[in-house]
Amino acid sequence: DRFRVGDQIGVGDYQGTVAQMGLTSTSVR
């Protein structure tokens, strides 16, 4: 539980807001 939906994260070349967290993938806007 380090970050949640609505948090802004950056991983690799992608930065944005977490839109949804699933069991296999995480959606980032």
mmCIF file of all heavy atoms, coordinates in Angstrom:
data_MODEL
# 
_entry.id   MODEL 
# 
loop_
_atom_site.group_PDB 
_atom_site.id 
_atom_site.type_symbol 
_atom_site.label_atom_id 
_atom_site.label_alt_id 
_atom_site.label_comp_id 
_atom_site.label_asym_id 
_atom_site.label_entity_id 
_atom_site.label_seq_id 
_atom_site.pdbx_PDB_ins_code 
_atom_site.Cartn_x 
_atom_site.Cartn_y 
_atom_site.Cartn_z 
_atom_site.occupancy 
_atom_site.B_iso_or_equiv 
_atom_site.pdbx_formal_charge 
_atom_site.auth_seq_id 
_atom_site.auth_comp_id 
_atom_site.auth_asym_id 
_atom_site.auth_atom_id 
_atom_site.pdbx_PDB_model_num 
ATOM 1   N N   . ASP A 1 1  ? 0.827   -1.219  0.000   1.00 0.00 ? 1  ASP A N   1 
ATOM 2   C CA  . ASP A 1 1  ? 0.000   0.000   0.000   1.00 0.00 ? 1  ASP A CA  1 
ATOM 3   C C   . ASP A 1 1  ? 0.857   1.264   0.000   1.00 0.00 ? 1  ASP A C   1 
ATOM 4   O O   . ASP A 1 1  ? 0.618   2.199   0.757   1.00 0.00 ? 1  ASP A O   1 
ATOM 5   C CB  . ASP A 1 1  ? -0.943  -0.011  1.217   1.00 0.00 ? 1  ASP A CB  1 
ATOM 6   C CG  . ASP A 1 1  ? -2.123  0.928   1.025   1.00 0.00 ? 1  ASP A CG  1 
ATOM 7   O OD1 . ASP A 1 1  ? -2.426  1.283   -0.122  1.00 0.00 ? 1  ASP A OD1 1 
ATOM 8   O OD2 . ASP A 1 1  ? -2.737  1.314   2.037   1.00 0.00 ? 1  ASP A OD2 1 
ATOM 9   N N   . ARG A 1 2  ? 1.886   1.299   -0.882  1.00 0.00 ? 2  ARG A N   1 
ATOM 10  C CA  . ARG A 1 2  ? 2.768   2.463   -0.962  1.00 0.00 ? 2  ARG A CA  1 
ATOM 11  C C   . ARG A 1 2  ? 2.130   3.609   -1.735  1.00 0.00 ? 2  ARG A C   1 
ATOM 12  O O   . ARG A 1 2  ? 2.461   4.765   -1.503  1.00 0.00 ? 2  ARG A O   1 
ATOM 13  C CB  . ARG A 1 2  ? 4.084   2.066   -1.629  1.00 0.00 ? 2  ARG A CB  1 
ATOM 14  C CG  . ARG A 1 2  ? 4.857   0.995   -0.874  1.00 0.00 ? 2  ARG A CG  1 
ATOM 15  C CD  . ARG A 1 2  ? 5.323   1.497   0.474   1.00 0.00 ? 2  ARG A CD  1 
ATOM 16  N NE  . ARG A 1 2  ? 6.183   0.515   1.128   1.00 0.00 ? 2  ARG A NE  1 
ATOM 17  C CZ  . ARG A 1 2  ? 6.706   0.668   2.336   1.00 0.00 ? 2  ARG A CZ  1 
ATOM 18  N NH1 . ARG A 1 2  ? 6.438   1.763   3.019   1.00 0.00 ? 2  ARG A NH1 1 
ATOM 19  N NH2 . ARG A 1 2  ? 7.481   -0.260  2.856   1.00 0.00 ? 2  ARG A NH2 1 
ATOM 20  N N   . PHE A 1 3  ? 1.273   3.306   -2.685  1.00 0.00 ? 3  PHE A N   1 
ATOM 21  C CA  . PHE A 1 3  ? 0.548   4.345   -3.423  1.00 0.00 ? 3  PHE A CA  1 
ATOM 22  C C   . PHE A 1 3  ? -0.846  3.827   -3.727  1.00 0.00 ? 3  PHE A C   1 
ATOM 23  O O   . PHE A 1 3  ? -1.108  2.611   -3.701  1.00 0.00 ? 3  PHE A O   1 
ATOM 24  C CB  . PHE A 1 3  ? 1.282   4.740   -4.711  1.00 0.00 ? 3  PHE A CB  1 
ATOM 25  C CG  . PHE A 1 3  ? 1.545   3.593   -5.644  1.00 0.00 ? 3  PHE A CG  1 
ATOM 26  C CD1 . PHE A 1 3  ? 0.608   3.203   -6.594  1.00 0.00 ? 3  PHE A CD1 1 
ATOM 27  C CD2 . PHE A 1 3  ? 2.741   2.895   -5.591  1.00 0.00 ? 3  PHE A CD2 1 
ATOM 28  C CE1 . PHE A 1 3  ? 0.845   2.149   -7.453  1.00 0.00 ? 3  PHE A CE1 1 
ATOM 29  C CE2 . PHE A 1 3  ? 2.993   1.843   -6.451  1.00 0.00 ? 3  PHE A CE2 1 
ATOM 30  C CZ  . PHE A 1 3  ? 2.044   1.470   -7.375  1.00 0.00 ? 3  PHE A CZ  1 
ATOM 31  N N   . ARG A 1 4  ? -1.747  4.763   -3.998  1.00 0.00 ? 4  ARG A N   1 
ATOM 32  C CA  . ARG A 1 4  ? -3.143  4.426   -4.193  1.00 0.00 ? 4  ARG A CA  1 
ATOM 33  C C   . ARG A 1 4  ? -3.684  5.115   -5.440  1.00 0.00 ? 4  ARG A C   1 
ATOM 34  O O   . ARG A 1 4  ? -2.971  5.897   -6.086  1.00 0.00 ? 4  ARG A O   1 
ATOM 35  C CB  . ARG A 1 4  ? -3.980  4.842   -2.977  1.00 0.00 ? 4  ARG A CB  1 
ATOM 36  C CG  . ARG A 1 4  ? -3.522  4.229   -1.661  1.00 0.00 ? 4  ARG A CG  1 
ATOM 37  C CD  . ARG A 1 4  ? -4.410  4.658   -0.513  1.00 0.00 ? 4  ARG A CD  1 
ATOM 38  N NE  . ARG A 1 4  ? -4.034  4.014   0.742   1.00 0.00 ? 4  ARG A NE  1 
ATOM 39  C CZ  . ARG A 1 4  ? -4.709  4.170   1.888   1.00 0.00 ? 4  ARG A CZ  1 
ATOM 40  N NH1 . ARG A 1 4  ? -5.770  4.961   1.918   1.00 0.00 ? 4  ARG A NH1 1 
ATOM 41  N NH2 . ARG A 1 4  ? -4.315  3.535   2.969   1.00 0.00 ? 4  ARG A NH2 1 
ATOM 42  N N   . VAL A 1 5  ? -4.936  4.828   -5.769  1.00 0.00 ? 5  VAL A N   1 
ATOM 43  C CA  . VAL A 1 5  ? -5.600  5.507   -6.874  1.00 0.00 ? 5  VAL A CA  1 
ATOM 44  C C   . VAL A 1 5  ? -5.678  7.001   -6.556  1.00 0.00 ? 5  VAL A C   1 
ATOM 45  O O   . VAL A 1 5  ? -6.078  7.401   -5.470  1.00 0.00 ? 5  VAL A O   1 
ATOM 46  C CB  . VAL A 1 5  ? -7.012  4.933   -7.095  1.00 0.00 ? 5  VAL A CB  1 
ATOM 47  C CG1 . VAL A 1 5  ? -7.773  5.750   -8.133  1.00 0.00 ? 5  VAL A CG1 1 
ATOM 48  C CG2 . VAL A 1 5  ? -6.920  3.475   -7.526  1.00 0.00 ? 5  VAL A CG2 1 
ATOM 49  N N   . GLY A 1 6  ? -5.267  7.830   -7.516  1.00 0.00 ? 6  GLY A N   1 
ATOM 50  C CA  . GLY A 1 6  ? -5.218  9.272   -7.314  1.00 0.00 ? 6  GLY A CA  1 
ATOM 51  C C   . GLY A 1 6  ? -3.823  9.791   -7.047  1.00 0.00 ? 6  GLY A C   1 
ATOM 52  O O   . GLY A 1 6  ? -3.579  10.993  -7.216  1.00 0.00 ? 6  GLY A O   1 
ATOM 53  N N   . ASP A 1 7  ? -2.897  8.913   -6.647  1.00 0.00 ? 7  ASP A N   1 
ATOM 54  C CA  . ASP A 1 7  ? -1.508  9.334   -6.460  1.00 0.00 ? 7  ASP A CA  1 
ATOM 55  C C   . ASP A 1 7  ? -0.845  9.535   -7.818  1.00 0.00 ? 7  ASP A C   1 
ATOM 56  O O   . ASP A 1 7  ? -1.208  8.900   -8.815  1.00 0.00 ? 7  ASP A O   1 
ATOM 57  C CB  . ASP A 1 7  ? -0.730  8.298   -5.648  1.00 0.00 ? 7  ASP A CB  1 
ATOM 58  C CG  . ASP A 1 7  ? -0.998  8.402   -4.159  1.00 0.00 ? 7  ASP A CG  1 
ATOM 59  O OD1 . ASP A 1 7  ? -1.301  9.514   -3.696  1.00 0.00 ? 7  ASP A OD1 1 
ATOM 60  O OD2 . ASP A 1 7  ? -0.923  7.371   -3.466  1.00 0.00 ? 7  ASP A OD2 1 
ATOM 61  N N   . GLN A 1 8  ? 0.158   10.391  -7.832  1.00 0.00 ? 8  GLN A N   1 
ATOM 62  C CA  . GLN A 1 8  ? 0.933   10.637  -9.051  1.00 0.00 ? 8  GLN A CA  1 
ATOM 63  C C   . GLN A 1 8  ? 2.281   9.934   -8.915  1.00 0.00 ? 8  GLN A C   1 
ATOM 64  O O   . GLN A 1 8  ? 3.014   10.166  -7.951  1.00 0.00 ? 8  GLN A O   1 
ATOM 65  C CB  . GLN A 1 8  ? 1.126   12.136  -9.274  1.00 0.00 ? 8  GLN A CB  1 
ATOM 66  C CG  . GLN A 1 8  ? -0.182  12.859  -9.564  1.00 0.00 ? 8  GLN A CG  1 
ATOM 67  C CD  . GLN A 1 8  ? 0.000   14.338  -9.820  1.00 0.00 ? 8  GLN A CD  1 
ATOM 68  O OE1 . GLN A 1 8  ? 1.036   14.909  -9.509  1.00 0.00 ? 8  GLN A OE1 1 
ATOM 69  N NE2 . GLN A 1 8  ? -1.022  14.975  -10.385 1.00 0.00 ? 8  GLN A NE2 1 
ATOM 70  N N   . ILE A 1 9  ? 2.577   9.065   -9.881  1.00 0.00 ? 9  ILE A N   1 
ATOM 71  C CA  . ILE A 1 9  ? 3.785   8.255   -9.812  1.00 0.00 ? 9  ILE A CA  1 
ATOM 72  C C   . ILE A 1 9  ? 4.564   8.392   -11.121 1.00 0.00 ? 9  ILE A C   1 
ATOM 73  O O   . ILE A 1 9  ? 4.046   8.884   -12.127 1.00 0.00 ? 9  ILE A O   1 
ATOM 74  C CB  . ILE A 1 9  ? 3.462   6.767   -9.556  1.00 0.00 ? 9  ILE A CB  1 
ATOM 75  C CG1 . ILE A 1 9  ? 2.701   6.171   -10.757 1.00 0.00 ? 9  ILE A CG1 1 
ATOM 76  C CG2 . ILE A 1 9  ? 2.665   6.604   -8.280  1.00 0.00 ? 9  ILE A CG2 1 
ATOM 77  C CD1 . ILE A 1 9  ? 2.512   4.668   -10.666 1.00 0.00 ? 9  ILE A CD1 1 
ATOM 78  N N   . GLY A 1 10 ? 5.795   7.947   -11.085 1.00 0.00 ? 10 GLY A N   1 
ATOM 79  C CA  . GLY A 1 10 ? 6.638   7.885   -12.264 1.00 0.00 ? 10 GLY A CA  1 
ATOM 80  C C   . GLY A 1 10 ? 7.387   6.568   -12.275 1.00 0.00 ? 10 GLY A C   1 
ATOM 81  O O   . GLY A 1 10 ? 7.992   6.189   -11.275 1.00 0.00 ? 10 GLY A O   1 
ATOM 82  N N   . VAL A 1 11 ? 7.311   5.840   -13.382 1.00 0.00 ? 11 VAL A N   1 
ATOM 83  C CA  . VAL A 1 11 ? 8.028   4.578   -13.534 1.00 0.00 ? 11 VAL A CA  1 
ATOM 84  C C   . VAL A 1 11 ? 8.560   4.518   -14.960 1.00 0.00 ? 11 VAL A C   1 
ATOM 85  O O   . VAL A 1 11 ? 7.808   4.626   -15.925 1.00 0.00 ? 11 VAL A O   1 
ATOM 86  C CB  . VAL A 1 11 ? 7.130   3.364   -13.220 1.00 0.00 ? 11 VAL A CB  1 
ATOM 87  C CG1 . VAL A 1 11 ? 5.834   3.423   -14.014 1.00 0.00 ? 11 VAL A CG1 1 
ATOM 88  C CG2 . VAL A 1 11 ? 7.867   2.056   -13.475 1.00 0.00 ? 11 VAL A CG2 1 
ATOM 89  N N   . GLY A 1 12 ? 9.868   4.385   -15.098 1.00 0.00 ? 12 GLY A N   1 
ATOM 90  C CA  . GLY A 1 12 ? 10.475  4.384   -16.425 1.00 0.00 ? 12 GLY A CA  1 
ATOM 91  C C   . GLY A 1 12 ? 10.260  5.720   -17.121 1.00 0.00 ? 12 GLY A C   1 
ATOM 92  O O   . GLY A 1 12 ? 10.553  6.783   -16.578 1.00 0.00 ? 12 GLY A O   1 
ATOM 93  N N   . ASP A 1 13 ? 9.723   5.666   -18.321 1.00 0.00 ? 13 ASP A N   1 
ATOM 94  C CA  . ASP A 1 13 ? 9.472   6.878   -19.115 1.00 0.00 ? 13 ASP A CA  1 
ATOM 95  C C   . ASP A 1 13 ? 8.065   7.425   -18.911 1.00 0.00 ? 13 ASP A C   1 
ATOM 96  O O   . ASP A 1 13 ? 7.679   8.381   -19.591 1.00 0.00 ? 13 ASP A O   1 
ATOM 97  C CB  . ASP A 1 13 ? 9.673   6.586   -20.608 1.00 0.00 ? 13 ASP A CB  1 
ATOM 98  C CG  . ASP A 1 13 ? 11.106  6.196   -20.924 1.00 0.00 ? 13 ASP A CG  1 
ATOM 99  O OD1 . ASP A 1 13 ? 12.002  6.662   -20.200 1.00 0.00 ? 13 ASP A OD1 1 
ATOM 100 O OD2 . ASP A 1 13 ? 11.316  5.426   -21.881 1.00 0.00 ? 13 ASP A OD2 1 
ATOM 101 N N   . TYR A 1 14 ? 7.305   6.846   -18.001 1.00 0.00 ? 14 TYR A N   1 
ATOM 102 C CA  . TYR A 1 14 ? 5.903   7.237   -17.846 1.00 0.00 ? 14 TYR A CA  1 
ATOM 103 C C   . TYR A 1 14 ? 5.680   7.905   -16.493 1.00 0.00 ? 14 TYR A C   1 
ATOM 104 O O   . TYR A 1 14 ? 6.153   7.427   -15.457 1.00 0.00 ? 14 TYR A O   1 
ATOM 105 C CB  . TYR A 1 14 ? 4.991   6.011   -17.965 1.00 0.00 ? 14 TYR A CB  1 
ATOM 106 C CG  . TYR A 1 14 ? 5.142   5.294   -19.280 1.00 0.00 ? 14 TYR A CG  1 
ATOM 107 C CD1 . TYR A 1 14 ? 5.863   4.102   -19.365 1.00 0.00 ? 14 TYR A CD1 1 
ATOM 108 C CD2 . TYR A 1 14 ? 4.592   5.799   -20.451 1.00 0.00 ? 14 TYR A CD2 1 
ATOM 109 C CE1 . TYR A 1 14 ? 6.017   3.435   -20.563 1.00 0.00 ? 14 TYR A CE1 1 
ATOM 110 C CE2 . TYR A 1 14 ? 4.733   5.145   -21.661 1.00 0.00 ? 14 TYR A CE2 1 
ATOM 111 C CZ  . TYR A 1 14 ? 5.444   3.970   -21.710 1.00 0.00 ? 14 TYR A CZ  1 
ATOM 112 O OH  . TYR A 1 14 ? 5.603   3.319   -22.908 1.00 0.00 ? 14 TYR A OH  1 
ATOM 113 N N   . GLN A 1 15 ? 4.945   9.006   -16.536 1.00 0.00 ? 15 GLN A N   1 
ATOM 114 C CA  . GLN A 1 15 ? 4.569   9.737   -15.330 1.00 0.00 ? 15 GLN A CA  1 
ATOM 115 C C   . GLN A 1 15 ? 3.103   10.133  -15.456 1.00 0.00 ? 15 GLN A C   1 
ATOM 116 O O   . GLN A 1 15 ? 2.655   10.548  -16.530 1.00 0.00 ? 15 GLN A O   1 
ATOM 117 C CB  . GLN A 1 15 ? 5.420   10.990  -15.153 1.00 0.00 ? 15 GLN A CB  1 
ATOM 118 C CG  . GLN A 1 15 ? 6.889   10.716  -14.900 1.00 0.00 ? 15 GLN A CG  1 
ATOM 119 C CD  . GLN A 1 15 ? 7.681   11.996  -14.713 1.00 0.00 ? 15 GLN A CD  1 
ATOM 120 O OE1 . GLN A 1 15 ? 7.201   13.084  -14.983 1.00 0.00 ? 15 GLN A OE1 1 
ATOM 121 N NE2 . GLN A 1 15 ? 8.918   11.855  -14.258 1.00 0.00 ? 15 GLN A NE2 1 
ATOM 122 N N   . GLY A 1 16 ? 2.369   9.996   -14.367 1.00 0.00 ? 16 GLY A N   1 
ATOM 123 C CA  . GLY A 1 16 ? 0.964   10.354  -14.425 1.00 0.00 ? 16 GLY A CA  1 
ATOM 124 C C   . GLY A 1 16 ? 0.253   10.021  -13.136 1.00 0.00 ? 16 GLY A C   1 
ATOM 125 O O   . GLY A 1 16 ? 0.873   9.743   -12.100 1.00 0.00 ? 16 GLY A O   1 
ATOM 126 N N   . THR A 1 17 ? -1.077  10.024  -13.199 1.00 0.00 ? 17 THR A N   1 
ATOM 127 C CA  . THR A 1 17 ? -1.935  9.781   -12.046 1.00 0.00 ? 17 THR A CA  1 
ATOM 128 C C   . THR A 1 17 ? -2.487  8.368   -12.113 1.00 0.00 ? 17 THR A C   1 
ATOM 129 O O   . THR A 1 17 ? -2.958  7.930   -13.167 1.00 0.00 ? 17 THR A O   1 
ATOM 130 C CB  . THR A 1 17 ? -3.095  10.790  -12.015 1.00 0.00 ? 17 THR A CB  1 
ATOM 131 O OG1 . THR A 1 17 ? -2.566  12.120  -12.030 1.00 0.00 ? 17 THR A OG1 1 
ATOM 132 C CG2 . THR A 1 17 ? -3.931  10.603  -10.771 1.00 0.00 ? 17 THR A CG2 1 
ATOM 133 N N   . VAL A 1 18 ? -2.427  7.655   -11.003 1.00 0.00 ? 18 VAL A N   1 
ATOM 134 C CA  . VAL A 1 18 ? -2.950  6.289   -10.952 1.00 0.00 ? 18 VAL A CA  1 
ATOM 135 C C   . VAL A 1 18 ? -4.469  6.350   -11.076 1.00 0.00 ? 18 VAL A C   1 
ATOM 136 O O   . VAL A 1 18 ? -5.152  6.948   -10.242 1.00 0.00 ? 18 VAL A O   1 
ATOM 137 C CB  . VAL A 1 18 ? -2.538  5.586   -9.651  1.00 0.00 ? 18 VAL A CB  1 
ATOM 138 C CG1 . VAL A 1 18 ? -3.130  4.184   -9.592  1.00 0.00 ? 18 VAL A CG1 1 
ATOM 139 C CG2 . VAL A 1 18 ? -1.023  5.528   -9.539  1.00 0.00 ? 18 VAL A CG2 1 
ATOM 140 N N   . ALA A 1 19 ? -4.999  5.706   -12.143 1.00 0.00 ? 19 ALA A N   1 
ATOM 141 C CA  . ALA A 1 19 ? -6.442  5.711   -12.374 1.00 0.00 ? 19 ALA A CA  1 
ATOM 142 C C   . ALA A 1 19 ? -7.118  4.471   -11.818 1.00 0.00 ? 19 ALA A C   1 
ATOM 143 O O   . ALA A 1 19 ? -8.265  4.544   -11.338 1.00 0.00 ? 19 ALA A O   1 
ATOM 144 C CB  . ALA A 1 19 ? -6.729  5.820   -13.875 1.00 0.00 ? 19 ALA A CB  1 
ATOM 145 N N   . GLN A 1 20 ? -6.440  3.331   -11.852 1.00 0.00 ? 20 GLN A N   1 
ATOM 146 C CA  . GLN A 1 20 ? -7.023  2.086   -11.358 1.00 0.00 ? 20 GLN A CA  1 
ATOM 147 C C   . GLN A 1 20 ? -5.911  1.112   -11.026 1.00 0.00 ? 20 GLN A C   1 
ATOM 148 O O   . GLN A 1 20 ? -4.902  1.042   -11.734 1.00 0.00 ? 20 GLN A O   1 
ATOM 149 C CB  . GLN A 1 20 ? -7.971  1.486   -12.399 1.00 0.00 ? 20 GLN A CB  1 
ATOM 150 C CG  . GLN A 1 20 ? -8.705  0.237   -11.922 1.00 0.00 ? 20 GLN A CG  1 
ATOM 151 C CD  . GLN A 1 20 ? -9.651  -0.317  -12.986 1.00 0.00 ? 20 GLN A CD  1 
ATOM 152 O OE1 . GLN A 1 20 ? -9.698  0.193   -14.104 1.00 0.00 ? 20 GLN A OE1 1 
ATOM 153 N NE2 . GLN A 1 20 ? -10.407 -1.333  -12.637 1.00 0.00 ? 20 GLN A NE2 1 
ATOM 154 N N   . MET A 1 21 ? -6.106  0.334   -9.961  1.00 0.00 ? 21 MET A N   1 
ATOM 155 C CA  . MET A 1 21 ? -5.149  -0.683  -9.556  1.00 0.00 ? 21 MET A CA  1 
ATOM 156 C C   . MET A 1 21 ? -5.843  -2.033  -9.582  1.00 0.00 ? 21 MET A C   1 
ATOM 157 O O   . MET A 1 21 ? -6.816  -2.257  -8.865  1.00 0.00 ? 21 MET A O   1 
ATOM 158 C CB  . MET A 1 21 ? -4.578  -0.378  -8.159  1.00 0.00 ? 21 MET A CB  1 
ATOM 159 C CG  . MET A 1 21 ? -3.804  0.920   -8.076  1.00 0.00 ? 21 MET A CG  1 
ATOM 160 S SD  . MET A 1 21 ? -3.121  1.224   -6.429  1.00 0.00 ? 21 MET A SD  1 
ATOM 161 C CE  . MET A 1 21 ? -1.943  -0.132  -6.313  1.00 0.00 ? 21 MET A CE  1 
ATOM 162 N N   . GLY A 1 22 ? -5.356  -2.930  -10.437 1.00 0.00 ? 22 GLY A N   1 
ATOM 163 C CA  . GLY A 1 22 ? -5.919  -4.258  -10.552 1.00 0.00 ? 22 GLY A CA  1 
ATOM 164 C C   . GLY A 1 22 ? -4.966  -5.318  -10.056 1.00 0.00 ? 22 GLY A C   1 
ATOM 165 O O   . GLY A 1 22 ? -3.880  -5.025  -9.548  1.00 0.00 ? 22 GLY A O   1 
ATOM 166 N N   . LEU A 1 23 ? -5.373  -6.578  -10.249 1.00 0.00 ? 23 LEU A N   1 
ATOM 167 C CA  . LEU A 1 23 ? -4.549  -7.677  -9.764  1.00 0.00 ? 23 LEU A CA  1 
ATOM 168 C C   . LEU A 1 23 ? -3.356  -7.940  -10.678 1.00 0.00 ? 23 LEU A C   1 
ATOM 169 O O   . LEU A 1 23 ? -2.312  -8.391  -10.220 1.00 0.00 ? 23 LEU A O   1 
ATOM 170 C CB  . LEU A 1 23 ? -5.400  -8.946  -9.643  1.00 0.00 ? 23 LEU A CB  1 
ATOM 171 C CG  . LEU A 1 23 ? -4.800  -10.112 -8.862  1.00 0.00 ? 23 LEU A CG  1 
ATOM 172 C CD1 . LEU A 1 23 ? -4.474  -9.684  -7.444  1.00 0.00 ? 23 LEU A CD1 1 
ATOM 173 C CD2 . LEU A 1 23 ? -5.753  -11.290 -8.860  1.00 0.00 ? 23 LEU A CD2 1 
ATOM 174 N N   . THR A 1 24 ? -3.486  -7.653  -11.975 1.00 0.00 ? 24 THR A N   1 
ATOM 175 C CA  . THR A 1 24 ? -2.399  -7.926  -12.910 1.00 0.00 ? 24 THR A CA  1 
ATOM 176 C C   . THR A 1 24 ? -1.747  -6.670  -13.478 1.00 0.00 ? 24 THR A C   1 
ATOM 177 O O   . THR A 1 24 ? -0.604  -6.733  -13.932 1.00 0.00 ? 24 THR A O   1 
ATOM 178 C CB  . THR A 1 24 ? -2.912  -8.776  -14.093 1.00 0.00 ? 24 THR A CB  1 
ATOM 179 O OG1 . THR A 1 24 ? -3.978  -8.070  -14.753 1.00 0.00 ? 24 THR A OG1 1 
ATOM 180 C CG2 . THR A 1 24 ? -3.431  -10.116 -13.602 1.00 0.00 ? 24 THR A CG2 1 
ATOM 181 N N   . SER A 1 25 ? -2.451  -5.540  -13.494 1.00 0.00 ? 25 SER A N   1 
ATOM 182 C CA  . SER A 1 25 ? -1.881  -4.321  -14.069 1.00 0.00 ? 25 SER A CA  1 
ATOM 183 C C   . SER A 1 25 ? -2.427  -3.100  -13.353 1.00 0.00 ? 25 SER A C   1 
ATOM 184 O O   . SER A 1 25 ? -3.435  -3.175  -12.634 1.00 0.00 ? 25 SER A O   1 
ATOM 185 C CB  . SER A 1 25 ? -2.196  -4.220  -15.571 1.00 0.00 ? 25 SER A CB  1 
ATOM 186 O OG  . SER A 1 25 ? -3.594  -4.113  -15.782 1.00 0.00 ? 25 SER A OG  1 
ATOM 187 N N   . THR A 1 26 ? -1.757  -1.984  -13.563 1.00 0.00 ? 26 THR A N   1 
ATOM 188 C CA  . THR A 1 26 ? -2.160  -0.698  -12.981 1.00 0.00 ? 26 THR A CA  1 
ATOM 189 C C   . THR A 1 26 ? -2.328  0.308   -14.108 1.00 0.00 ? 26 THR A C   1 
ATOM 190 O O   . THR A 1 26 ? -1.461  0.433   -14.971 1.00 0.00 ? 26 THR A O   1 
ATOM 191 C CB  . THR A 1 26 ? -1.096  -0.198  -11.977 1.00 0.00 ? 26 THR A CB  1 
ATOM 192 O OG1 . THR A 1 26 ? -1.000  -1.140  -10.900 1.00 0.00 ? 26 THR A OG1 1 
ATOM 193 C CG2 . THR A 1 26 ? -1.471  1.161   -11.421 1.00 0.00 ? 26 THR A CG2 1 
ATOM 194 N N   . SER A 1 27 ? -3.464  1.000   -14.102 1.00 0.00 ? 27 SER A N   1 
ATOM 195 C CA  . SER A 1 27 ? -3.756  1.996   -15.137 1.00 0.00 ? 27 SER A CA  1 
ATOM 196 C C   . SER A 1 27 ? -3.278  3.361   -14.674 1.00 0.00 ? 27 SER A C   1 
ATOM 197 O O   . SER A 1 27 ? -3.607  3.798   -13.564 1.00 0.00 ? 27 SER A O   1 
ATOM 198 C CB  . SER A 1 27 ? -5.261  2.044   -15.433 1.00 0.00 ? 27 SER A CB  1 
ATOM 199 O OG  . SER A 1 27 ? -5.730  0.769   -15.840 1.00 0.00 ? 27 SER A OG  1 
ATOM 200 N N   . VAL A 1 28 ? -2.502  4.033   -15.515 1.00 0.00 ? 28 VAL A N   1 
ATOM 201 C CA  . VAL A 1 28 ? -1.955  5.350   -15.211 1.00 0.00 ? 28 VAL A CA  1 
ATOM 202 C C   . VAL A 1 28 ? -2.383  6.316   -16.314 1.00 0.00 ? 28 VAL A C   1 
ATOM 203 O O   . VAL A 1 28 ? -2.207  6.024   -17.505 1.00 0.00 ? 28 VAL A O   1 
ATOM 204 C CB  . VAL A 1 28 ? -0.417  5.309   -15.103 1.00 0.00 ? 28 VAL A CB  1 
ATOM 205 C CG1 . VAL A 1 28 ? 0.150   6.713   -14.906 1.00 0.00 ? 28 VAL A CG1 1 
ATOM 206 C CG2 . VAL A 1 28 ? 0.008   4.407   -13.959 1.00 0.00 ? 28 VAL A CG2 1 
ATOM 207 N N   . ARG A 1 29 ? -2.944  7.430   -15.918 1.00 0.00 ? 29 ARG A N   1 
ATOM 208 C CA  . ARG A 1 29 ? -3.301  8.493   -16.861 1.00 0.00 ? 29 ARG A CA  1 
ATOM 209 C C   . ARG A 1 29 ? -2.154  9.497   -16.867 1.00 0.00 ? 29 ARG A C   1 
ATOM 210 O O   . ARG A 1 29 ? -1.928  10.198  -15.882 1.00 0.00 ? 29 ARG A O   1 
ATOM 211 C CB  . ARG A 1 29 ? -4.608  9.172   -16.463 1.00 0.00 ? 29 ARG A CB  1 
ATOM 212 C CG  . ARG A 1 29 ? -5.133  10.167  -17.500 1.00 0.00 ? 29 ARG A CG  1 
ATOM 213 C CD  . ARG A 1 29 ? -6.495  10.684  -17.071 1.00 0.00 ? 29 ARG A CD  1 
ATOM 214 N NE  . ARG A 1 29 ? -7.121  11.483  -18.126 1.00 0.00 ? 29 ARG A NE  1 
ATOM 215 C CZ  . ARG A 1 29 ? -7.015  12.787  -18.246 1.00 0.00 ? 29 ARG A CZ  1 
ATOM 216 N NH1 . ARG A 1 29 ? -6.303  13.465  -17.355 1.00 0.00 ? 29 ARG A NH1 1 
ATOM 217 N NH2 . ARG A 1 29 ? -7.626  13.423  -19.222 1.00 0.00 ? 29 ARG A NH2 1 
# 
